[in-house]
Amino acid sequence: MACIMCGKKKLPNEFPPSTVTIQCSHPILCCFRRERERERERERGERERERERREREREREREREREREERERERERERERERERESYYIYNRVHRFE
């Protein structure tokens, strides 16, 4: 890693944020750059987690919608079976006395 002002190379453990005036005329900028990189990485991770959470929520919503549609189709099939039973019952009552 290097200071963004003077270009002096340093290892990250050579200048912890608490020591900002050693071995370089701009070490605070080095520390800020490293902190900005960490912050960007954190934000990128947060955005990724948020995107995954929204995708999971959309998938759950699609699954709930499929289940609702399946329940509705099952109710419709049940109503159709009931109508058939009813029509057979009526048909049999009418034709039983012939």
N, C-alpha and C. Protein backbone atom coordinates (compact mmCIF):
# COMPACT_ATOMS: atom_id res chain seq x y z
N MET A 1 0.86 -1.17 0.00
CA MET A 1 0.00 0.00 0.00
C MET A 1 0.90 1.23 0.00
N ALA A 2 0.47 2.30 -0.66
CA ALA A 2 1.28 3.52 -0.73
C ALA A 2 0.43 4.72 -0.35
N CYS A 3 1.13 5.74 0.13
CA CYS A 3 0.46 7.01 0.44
C CYS A 3 -0.05 7.60 -0.87
N ILE A 4 -1.29 8.09 -0.87
CA ILE A 4 -1.84 8.61 -2.12
C ILE A 4 -1.26 9.98 -2.46
N MET A 5 -0.55 10.62 -1.52
CA MET A 5 0.06 11.91 -1.81
C MET A 5 1.52 11.75 -2.24
N CYS A 6 2.31 11.01 -1.48
CA CYS A 6 3.74 10.95 -1.79
C CYS A 6 4.14 9.65 -2.47
N GLY A 7 3.26 8.62 -2.46
CA GLY A 7 3.58 7.36 -3.12
C GLY A 7 4.47 6.44 -2.30
N LYS A 8 4.85 6.82 -1.09
CA LYS A 8 5.71 5.99 -0.26
C LYS A 8 5.01 4.69 0.09
N LYS A 9 5.68 3.59 -0.15
CA LYS A 9 5.09 2.28 0.10
C LYS A 9 5.18 1.93 1.58
N LYS A 10 4.12 1.36 2.08
CA LYS A 10 4.08 0.89 3.46
C LYS A 10 3.20 -0.33 3.55
N LEU A 11 3.51 -1.18 4.46
CA LEU A 11 2.63 -2.31 4.75
C LEU A 11 1.52 -1.80 5.66
N PRO A 12 0.32 -2.38 5.55
CA PRO A 12 -0.80 -1.89 6.36
C PRO A 12 -0.50 -1.89 7.85
N ASN A 13 0.29 -2.86 8.34
CA ASN A 13 0.52 -2.90 9.79
C ASN A 13 1.61 -1.91 10.21
N GLU A 14 2.25 -1.23 9.27
CA GLU A 14 3.27 -0.26 9.62
C GLU A 14 2.70 1.07 10.08
N PHE A 15 1.46 1.35 9.75
CA PHE A 15 0.88 2.61 10.19
C PHE A 15 -0.57 2.43 10.60
N PRO A 16 -0.79 1.93 11.80
CA PRO A 16 -2.17 1.85 12.28
C PRO A 16 -2.76 3.26 12.37
N PRO A 17 -4.07 3.37 12.25
CA PRO A 17 -4.71 4.70 12.24
C PRO A 17 -4.38 5.57 13.44
N SER A 18 -3.98 4.97 14.57
CA SER A 18 -3.68 5.78 15.74
C SER A 18 -2.33 6.48 15.60
N THR A 19 -1.46 5.99 14.75
CA THR A 19 -0.16 6.62 14.55
C THR A 19 -0.13 7.22 13.16
N VAL A 20 -0.39 8.51 13.06
CA VAL A 20 -0.57 9.13 11.76
C VAL A 20 0.56 10.07 11.37
N THR A 21 1.68 10.10 12.12
CA THR A 21 2.74 11.04 11.80
C THR A 21 4.11 10.37 11.71
N ILE A 22 4.16 9.06 11.46
CA ILE A 22 5.46 8.39 11.42
C ILE A 22 5.87 8.06 10.00
N GLN A 23 7.16 8.17 9.71
CA GLN A 23 7.83 7.67 8.51
C GLN A 23 7.28 8.19 7.19
N CYS A 24 6.43 9.19 7.19
CA CYS A 24 5.87 9.67 5.94
C CYS A 24 5.29 11.05 6.20
N SER A 25 5.38 11.93 5.23
CA SER A 25 4.82 13.25 5.46
C SER A 25 3.30 13.24 5.31
N HIS A 26 2.72 12.16 4.76
CA HIS A 26 1.27 12.09 4.55
C HIS A 26 0.66 10.77 5.04
N PRO A 27 1.08 10.27 6.17
CA PRO A 27 0.56 8.95 6.57
C PRO A 27 -0.93 8.95 6.87
N ILE A 28 -1.49 10.08 7.28
CA ILE A 28 -2.92 10.12 7.57
C ILE A 28 -3.72 9.81 6.31
N LEU A 29 -3.22 10.24 5.15
CA LEU A 29 -3.89 9.94 3.90
C LEU A 29 -3.82 8.45 3.61
N CYS A 30 -2.69 7.83 3.93
CA CYS A 30 -2.58 6.39 3.75
C CYS A 30 -3.65 5.69 4.58
N CYS A 31 -3.79 6.14 5.84
CA CYS A 31 -4.77 5.51 6.73
C CYS A 31 -6.18 5.76 6.21
N PHE A 32 -6.45 6.98 5.74
CA PHE A 32 -7.78 7.27 5.22
C PHE A 32 -8.07 6.44 3.99
N ARG A 33 -7.08 6.26 3.13
CA ARG A 33 -7.30 5.47 1.93
C ARG A 33 -7.66 4.03 2.30
N ARG A 34 -6.89 3.48 3.25
CA ARG A 34 -7.18 2.12 3.69
C ARG A 34 -8.56 2.05 4.30
N GLU A 35 -8.92 3.04 5.10
CA GLU A 35 -10.24 3.05 5.72
C GLU A 35 -11.33 3.19 4.65
N ARG A 36 -11.10 4.03 3.65
CA ARG A 36 -12.07 4.17 2.56
C ARG A 36 -12.24 2.84 1.82
N GLU A 37 -11.13 2.14 1.59
CA GLU A 37 -11.22 0.84 0.92
C GLU A 37 -12.03 -0.14 1.75
N ARG A 38 -11.79 -0.14 3.05
CA ARG A 38 -12.58 -1.01 3.94
C ARG A 38 -14.05 -0.64 3.90
N GLU A 39 -14.32 0.67 3.94
CA GLU A 39 -15.70 1.14 3.91
C GLU A 39 -16.38 0.74 2.61
N ARG A 40 -15.67 0.91 1.50
CA ARG A 40 -16.24 0.50 0.20
C ARG A 40 -16.52 -1.00 0.19
N GLU A 41 -15.60 -1.76 0.73
CA GLU A 41 -15.80 -3.21 0.78
C GLU A 41 -17.00 -3.56 1.66
N ARG A 42 -17.15 -2.88 2.78
CA ARG A 42 -18.31 -3.09 3.65
C ARG A 42 -19.60 -2.74 2.92
N GLU A 43 -19.60 -1.59 2.25
CA GLU A 43 -20.81 -1.17 1.52
C GLU A 43 -21.13 -2.15 0.40
N ARG A 44 -20.10 -2.63 -0.27
CA ARG A 44 -20.32 -3.60 -1.34
C ARG A 44 -20.95 -4.86 -0.76
N GLY A 45 -20.44 -5.32 0.38
CA GLY A 45 -21.01 -6.49 1.04
C GLY A 45 -22.45 -6.25 1.46
N GLU A 46 -22.72 -5.05 2.00
CA GLU A 46 -24.09 -4.73 2.42
C GLU A 46 -25.03 -4.71 1.22
N ARG A 47 -24.59 -4.09 0.12
CA ARG A 47 -25.42 -4.06 -1.08
C ARG A 47 -25.69 -5.47 -1.59
N GLU A 48 -24.65 -6.31 -1.56
CA GLU A 48 -24.82 -7.69 -2.02
C GLU A 48 -25.82 -8.43 -1.13
N ARG A 49 -25.69 -8.27 0.19
CA ARG A 49 -26.63 -8.93 1.11
C ARG A 49 -28.05 -8.42 0.90
N GLU A 50 -28.18 -7.10 0.69
CA GLU A 50 -29.51 -6.52 0.45
C GLU A 50 -30.10 -7.06 -0.84
N ARG A 51 -29.29 -7.16 -1.88
CA ARG A 51 -29.76 -7.69 -3.16
C ARG A 51 -30.21 -9.15 -2.98
N GLU A 52 -29.40 -9.95 -2.26
CA GLU A 52 -29.78 -11.34 -2.02
C GLU A 52 -31.06 -11.43 -1.20
N ARG A 53 -31.21 -10.54 -0.21
CA ARG A 53 -32.43 -10.55 0.61
C ARG A 53 -33.65 -10.22 -0.25
N ARG A 54 -33.51 -9.21 -1.11
CA ARG A 54 -34.64 -8.86 -1.99
C ARG A 54 -34.96 -10.01 -2.94
N GLU A 55 -33.94 -10.69 -3.44
CA GLU A 55 -34.17 -11.82 -4.35
C GLU A 55 -34.89 -12.95 -3.61
N ARG A 56 -34.47 -13.23 -2.37
CA ARG A 56 -35.15 -14.26 -1.59
C ARG A 56 -36.59 -13.87 -1.33
N GLU A 57 -36.83 -12.59 -1.03
CA GLU A 57 -38.20 -12.11 -0.78
C GLU A 57 -39.04 -12.26 -2.04
N ARG A 58 -38.48 -11.90 -3.20
CA ARG A 58 -39.23 -12.07 -4.45
C ARG A 58 -39.53 -13.54 -4.70
N GLU A 59 -38.57 -14.41 -4.41
CA GLU A 59 -38.80 -15.85 -4.61
C GLU A 59 -39.89 -16.35 -3.67
N ARG A 60 -39.86 -15.89 -2.41
CA ARG A 60 -40.93 -16.28 -1.47
C ARG A 60 -42.28 -15.79 -1.96
N GLU A 61 -42.33 -14.58 -2.48
CA GLU A 61 -43.59 -14.03 -2.99
C GLU A 61 -44.08 -14.85 -4.19
N ARG A 62 -43.16 -15.21 -5.08
CA ARG A 62 -43.56 -16.05 -6.23
C ARG A 62 -44.07 -17.40 -5.74
N GLU A 63 -43.43 -17.97 -4.73
CA GLU A 63 -43.86 -19.25 -4.18
C GLU A 63 -45.25 -19.12 -3.55
N ARG A 64 -45.47 -18.05 -2.80
CA ARG A 64 -46.80 -17.83 -2.20
C ARG A 64 -47.85 -17.69 -3.29
N GLU A 65 -47.51 -16.98 -4.36
CA GLU A 65 -48.45 -16.80 -5.47
C GLU A 65 -48.76 -18.15 -6.12
N ARG A 66 -47.74 -18.97 -6.33
CA ARG A 66 -47.98 -20.30 -6.90
C ARG A 66 -48.88 -21.13 -5.99
N GLU A 67 -48.64 -21.06 -4.69
CA GLU A 67 -49.49 -21.80 -3.75
C GLU A 67 -50.92 -21.29 -3.78
N ARG A 68 -51.10 -19.97 -3.83
CA ARG A 68 -52.46 -19.42 -3.92
C ARG A 68 -53.15 -19.90 -5.19
N GLU A 69 -52.43 -19.86 -6.30
CA GLU A 69 -53.03 -20.32 -7.56
C GLU A 69 -53.38 -21.80 -7.49
N GLU A 70 -52.52 -22.60 -6.87
CA GLU A 70 -52.80 -24.03 -6.75
C GLU A 70 -54.03 -24.27 -5.86
N ARG A 71 -54.12 -23.52 -4.75
CA ARG A 71 -55.30 -23.66 -3.88
C ARG A 71 -56.57 -23.26 -4.64
N GLU A 72 -56.48 -22.19 -5.41
CA GLU A 72 -57.64 -21.75 -6.18
C GLU A 72 -58.03 -22.81 -7.21
N ARG A 73 -57.04 -23.38 -7.88
CA ARG A 73 -57.35 -24.45 -8.85
C ARG A 73 -57.98 -25.64 -8.14
N GLU A 74 -57.50 -25.99 -6.97
CA GLU A 74 -58.06 -27.11 -6.21
C GLU A 74 -59.50 -26.80 -5.79
N ARG A 75 -59.75 -25.57 -5.34
CA ARG A 75 -61.13 -25.20 -4.98
C ARG A 75 -62.04 -25.28 -6.21
N GLU A 76 -61.54 -24.83 -7.35
CA GLU A 76 -62.35 -24.89 -8.57
C GLU A 76 -62.63 -26.34 -8.95
N ARG A 77 -61.63 -27.21 -8.83
CA ARG A 77 -61.86 -28.63 -9.12
C ARG A 77 -62.88 -29.22 -8.16
N GLU A 78 -62.80 -28.84 -6.89
CA GLU A 78 -63.74 -29.34 -5.90
C GLU A 78 -65.16 -28.85 -6.22
N ARG A 79 -65.28 -27.58 -6.60
CA ARG A 79 -66.60 -27.07 -6.98
C ARG A 79 -67.13 -27.81 -8.21
N GLU A 80 -66.26 -28.10 -9.16
CA GLU A 80 -66.69 -28.83 -10.36
C GLU A 80 -67.15 -30.24 -9.98
N ARG A 81 -66.40 -30.91 -9.10
CA ARG A 81 -66.82 -32.25 -8.66
C ARG A 81 -68.17 -32.18 -7.95
N GLU A 82 -68.35 -31.15 -7.13
CA GLU A 82 -69.61 -30.98 -6.41
C GLU A 82 -70.77 -30.77 -7.40
N ARG A 83 -70.55 -29.96 -8.41
CA ARG A 83 -71.59 -29.75 -9.43
C ARG A 83 -71.91 -31.05 -10.16
N GLU A 84 -70.89 -31.84 -10.46
CA GLU A 84 -71.13 -33.13 -11.12
C GLU A 84 -71.94 -34.06 -10.22
N ARG A 85 -71.55 -34.13 -8.94
CA ARG A 85 -72.31 -34.97 -8.00
C ARG A 85 -73.75 -34.51 -7.91
N GLU A 86 -73.92 -33.21 -7.85
CA GLU A 86 -75.26 -32.67 -7.75
C GLU A 86 -76.07 -33.00 -9.01
N SER A 87 -75.47 -32.84 -10.17
CA SER A 87 -76.20 -33.12 -11.40
C SER A 87 -76.53 -34.62 -11.49
N TYR A 88 -75.61 -35.49 -11.07
CA TYR A 88 -75.93 -36.94 -11.06
C TYR A 88 -77.05 -37.25 -10.09
N TYR A 89 -77.00 -36.58 -8.94
CA TYR A 89 -78.03 -36.81 -7.94
C TYR A 89 -79.40 -36.40 -8.50
N ILE A 90 -79.45 -35.23 -9.10
CA ILE A 90 -80.72 -34.76 -9.69
C ILE A 90 -81.15 -35.69 -10.82
N TYR A 91 -80.23 -36.04 -11.67
CA TYR A 91 -80.54 -36.94 -12.80
C TYR A 91 -81.10 -38.26 -12.28
N ASN A 92 -80.46 -38.82 -11.27
CA ASN A 92 -80.91 -40.10 -10.72
C ASN A 92 -82.28 -39.97 -10.05
N ARG A 93 -82.55 -38.86 -9.39
CA ARG A 93 -83.87 -38.68 -8.76
C ARG A 93 -84.96 -38.58 -9.82
N VAL A 94 -84.66 -37.86 -10.87
CA VAL A 94 -85.66 -37.66 -11.91
C VAL A 94 -85.94 -38.97 -12.64
N HIS A 95 -84.89 -39.70 -12.95
CA HIS A 95 -85.05 -40.92 -13.76
C HIS A 95 -85.33 -42.17 -12.94
N ARG A 96 -85.30 -42.06 -11.66
CA ARG A 96 -85.54 -43.22 -10.83
C ARG A 96 -87.00 -43.68 -10.92
N PHE A 97 -87.90 -42.75 -11.12
CA PHE A 97 -89.32 -43.09 -11.12
C PHE A 97 -89.86 -43.46 -12.49
N GLU A 98 -89.03 -43.47 -13.48
CA GLU A 98 -89.54 -43.82 -14.82
C GLU A 98 -89.78 -45.28 -14.99
